[in-house]
Amino acid sequence: MSYKAALEHLVTSERFPHLSPVILAGAYSPENDYKDGHSYGFEFDFGLARILDGIEHYVNSKR
C-alpha cells in the first residue's frame, strides 16, 4: 500500500472531518515533493521532532 493510499484509508471524513479534504487534495502526496524548498515528509519530520523535544524536556525536568 502506498503512503498516499494509507493516509486516505486512515484519515476518513468521519474520523477527521477537517483533515480529510486536505489529504484527498493530495497535500501529503509524493507529487508535491520539494514544495517550498522542503522535501517530501518535511511536515511529519518537523512535527515528530517537536514531539520528541517535548518528551526530552519532560524527562530532563524530572531529574
N, C-alpha and C. Protein backbone atom coordinates (compact mmCIF):
# COMPACT_ATOMS: atom_id res chain seq x y z
N MET A 1 0.85 -1.18 0.00
CA MET A 1 0.00 0.00 0.00
C MET A 1 0.90 1.23 0.00
N SER A 2 0.59 2.19 -0.83
CA SER A 2 1.39 3.41 -0.91
C SER A 2 1.10 4.31 0.29
N TYR A 3 1.99 5.25 0.50
CA TYR A 3 1.83 6.20 1.60
C TYR A 3 0.53 6.99 1.43
N LYS A 4 0.27 7.47 0.22
CA LYS A 4 -0.95 8.25 -0.04
C LYS A 4 -2.20 7.39 0.19
N ALA A 5 -2.18 6.16 -0.28
CA ALA A 5 -3.33 5.27 -0.09
C ALA A 5 -3.55 4.97 1.39
N ALA A 6 -2.47 4.79 2.13
CA ALA A 6 -2.59 4.54 3.57
C ALA A 6 -3.20 5.74 4.27
N LEU A 7 -2.76 6.95 3.92
CA LEU A 7 -3.35 8.15 4.52
C LEU A 7 -4.83 8.26 4.21
N GLU A 8 -5.19 8.03 2.95
CA GLU A 8 -6.60 8.12 2.56
C GLU A 8 -7.43 7.07 3.28
N HIS A 9 -6.84 5.92 3.57
CA HIS A 9 -7.55 4.87 4.30
C HIS A 9 -7.71 5.23 5.77
N LEU A 10 -6.69 5.80 6.37
CA LEU A 10 -6.71 6.10 7.80
C LEU A 10 -7.41 7.42 8.14
N VAL A 11 -7.27 8.41 7.28
CA VAL A 11 -7.85 9.73 7.54
C VAL A 11 -9.18 9.82 6.81
N THR A 12 -10.22 9.34 7.45
CA THR A 12 -11.55 9.35 6.85
C THR A 12 -12.30 10.62 7.27
N SER A 13 -13.32 10.96 6.50
CA SER A 13 -14.10 12.16 6.82
C SER A 13 -14.87 11.99 8.12
N GLU A 14 -15.17 10.75 8.51
CA GLU A 14 -15.86 10.52 9.77
C GLU A 14 -14.93 10.75 10.96
N ARG A 15 -13.69 10.29 10.86
CA ARG A 15 -12.74 10.40 11.97
C ARG A 15 -12.08 11.78 12.02
N PHE A 16 -11.76 12.33 10.88
CA PHE A 16 -11.05 13.61 10.80
C PHE A 16 -11.70 14.50 9.74
N PRO A 17 -12.86 15.07 10.06
CA PRO A 17 -13.62 15.82 9.04
C PRO A 17 -12.89 17.04 8.49
N HIS A 18 -12.00 17.64 9.24
CA HIS A 18 -11.29 18.83 8.76
C HIS A 18 -10.00 18.48 8.03
N LEU A 19 -9.41 17.35 8.35
CA LEU A 19 -8.15 16.94 7.72
C LEU A 19 -8.39 16.14 6.44
N SER A 20 -9.48 15.43 6.38
CA SER A 20 -9.76 14.57 5.23
C SER A 20 -9.71 15.30 3.88
N PRO A 21 -10.31 16.48 3.74
CA PRO A 21 -10.22 17.17 2.44
C PRO A 21 -8.79 17.52 2.04
N VAL A 22 -7.96 17.80 3.02
CA VAL A 22 -6.56 18.13 2.74
C VAL A 22 -5.83 16.91 2.18
N ILE A 23 -6.07 15.76 2.80
CA ILE A 23 -5.45 14.52 2.33
C ILE A 23 -5.96 14.16 0.95
N LEU A 24 -7.25 14.26 0.75
CA LEU A 24 -7.83 13.91 -0.55
C LEU A 24 -7.36 14.85 -1.67
N ALA A 25 -6.99 16.07 -1.30
CA ALA A 25 -6.49 17.03 -2.29
C ALA A 25 -5.04 16.72 -2.67
N GLY A 26 -4.42 15.78 -1.97
CA GLY A 26 -3.06 15.38 -2.31
C GLY A 26 -1.98 16.20 -1.65
N ALA A 27 -2.31 16.88 -0.55
CA ALA A 27 -1.33 17.75 0.10
C ALA A 27 -0.12 16.98 0.61
N TYR A 28 -0.28 15.73 0.97
CA TYR A 28 0.83 14.93 1.51
C TYR A 28 1.20 13.79 0.57
N SER A 29 1.12 14.05 -0.70
CA SER A 29 1.46 13.01 -1.68
C SER A 29 2.84 13.28 -2.28
N PRO A 30 3.48 12.25 -2.79
CA PRO A 30 4.81 12.42 -3.38
C PRO A 30 4.85 13.40 -4.55
N GLU A 31 3.72 13.66 -5.17
CA GLU A 31 3.68 14.60 -6.29
C GLU A 31 4.06 16.01 -5.84
N ASN A 32 3.90 16.29 -4.56
CA ASN A 32 4.23 17.61 -4.03
C ASN A 32 5.62 17.64 -3.40
N ASP A 33 6.48 16.75 -3.84
CA ASP A 33 7.85 16.67 -3.32
C ASP A 33 8.59 17.98 -3.58
N TYR A 34 9.37 18.40 -2.62
CA TYR A 34 10.17 19.62 -2.67
C TYR A 34 9.33 20.88 -2.85
N LYS A 35 8.15 20.88 -2.32
CA LYS A 35 7.31 22.06 -2.36
C LYS A 35 7.90 23.09 -1.39
N ASP A 36 8.00 24.31 -1.80
CA ASP A 36 8.52 25.41 -0.98
C ASP A 36 9.94 25.13 -0.48
N GLY A 37 10.73 24.37 -1.22
CA GLY A 37 12.10 24.10 -0.85
C GLY A 37 12.28 23.02 0.19
N HIS A 38 11.20 22.40 0.63
CA HIS A 38 11.28 21.34 1.62
C HIS A 38 10.99 20.00 0.95
N SER A 39 11.66 18.98 1.42
CA SER A 39 11.45 17.66 0.84
C SER A 39 10.17 17.02 1.35
N TYR A 40 9.75 16.01 0.66
CA TYR A 40 8.55 15.25 1.00
C TYR A 40 8.64 14.73 2.42
N GLY A 41 7.61 14.95 3.20
CA GLY A 41 7.59 14.48 4.57
C GLY A 41 8.14 15.49 5.56
N PHE A 42 8.48 16.69 5.09
CA PHE A 42 9.04 17.71 5.99
C PHE A 42 8.12 17.98 7.17
N GLU A 43 6.82 18.12 6.92
CA GLU A 43 5.89 18.44 7.99
C GLU A 43 5.87 17.33 9.04
N PHE A 44 5.89 16.08 8.59
CA PHE A 44 5.91 14.96 9.51
C PHE A 44 7.19 14.96 10.33
N ASP A 45 8.32 15.11 9.66
CA ASP A 45 9.61 15.12 10.35
C ASP A 45 9.68 16.26 11.35
N PHE A 46 9.22 17.44 10.96
CA PHE A 46 9.25 18.60 11.84
C PHE A 46 8.36 18.37 13.06
N GLY A 47 7.15 17.88 12.84
CA GLY A 47 6.22 17.62 13.94
C GLY A 47 6.75 16.56 14.89
N LEU A 48 7.30 15.50 14.34
CA LEU A 48 7.85 14.44 15.18
C LEU A 48 9.02 14.96 16.01
N ALA A 49 9.86 15.78 15.42
CA ALA A 49 10.99 16.35 16.15
C ALA A 49 10.50 17.22 17.31
N ARG A 50 9.42 17.98 17.11
CA ARG A 50 8.90 18.83 18.19
C ARG A 50 8.31 17.97 19.31
N ILE A 51 7.63 16.89 18.95
CA ILE A 51 7.08 15.98 19.96
C ILE A 51 8.22 15.37 20.78
N LEU A 52 9.26 14.93 20.10
CA LEU A 52 10.41 14.34 20.80
C LEU A 52 11.13 15.38 21.65
N ASP A 53 11.20 16.62 21.19
CA ASP A 53 11.77 17.69 22.01
C ASP A 53 10.98 17.86 23.30
N GLY A 54 9.67 17.80 23.20
CA GLY A 54 8.82 17.93 24.39
C GLY A 54 9.02 16.79 25.36
N ILE A 55 9.14 15.59 24.85
CA ILE A 55 9.38 14.42 25.71
C ILE A 55 10.74 14.55 26.38
N GLU A 56 11.75 14.97 25.63
CA GLU A 56 13.08 15.16 26.20
C GLU A 56 13.04 16.20 27.32
N HIS A 57 12.35 17.29 27.08
CA HIS A 57 12.23 18.34 28.10
C HIS A 57 11.54 17.81 29.35
N TYR A 58 10.48 17.06 29.17
CA TYR A 58 9.76 16.46 30.30
C TYR A 58 10.65 15.53 31.11
N VAL A 59 11.36 14.65 30.41
CA VAL A 59 12.25 13.69 31.09
C VAL A 59 13.35 14.43 31.85
N ASN A 60 13.94 15.43 31.20
CA ASN A 60 15.01 16.17 31.86
C ASN A 60 14.51 16.97 33.06
N SER A 61 13.26 17.41 33.02
CA SER A 61 12.72 18.19 34.14
C SER A 61 12.43 17.31 35.35
N LYS A 62 12.33 16.01 35.17
CA LYS A 62 12.05 15.08 36.26
C LYS A 62 13.32 14.58 36.94
N ARG A 63 14.47 14.97 36.46
CA ARG A 63 15.75 14.51 37.05
C ARG A 63 16.10 15.30 38.26
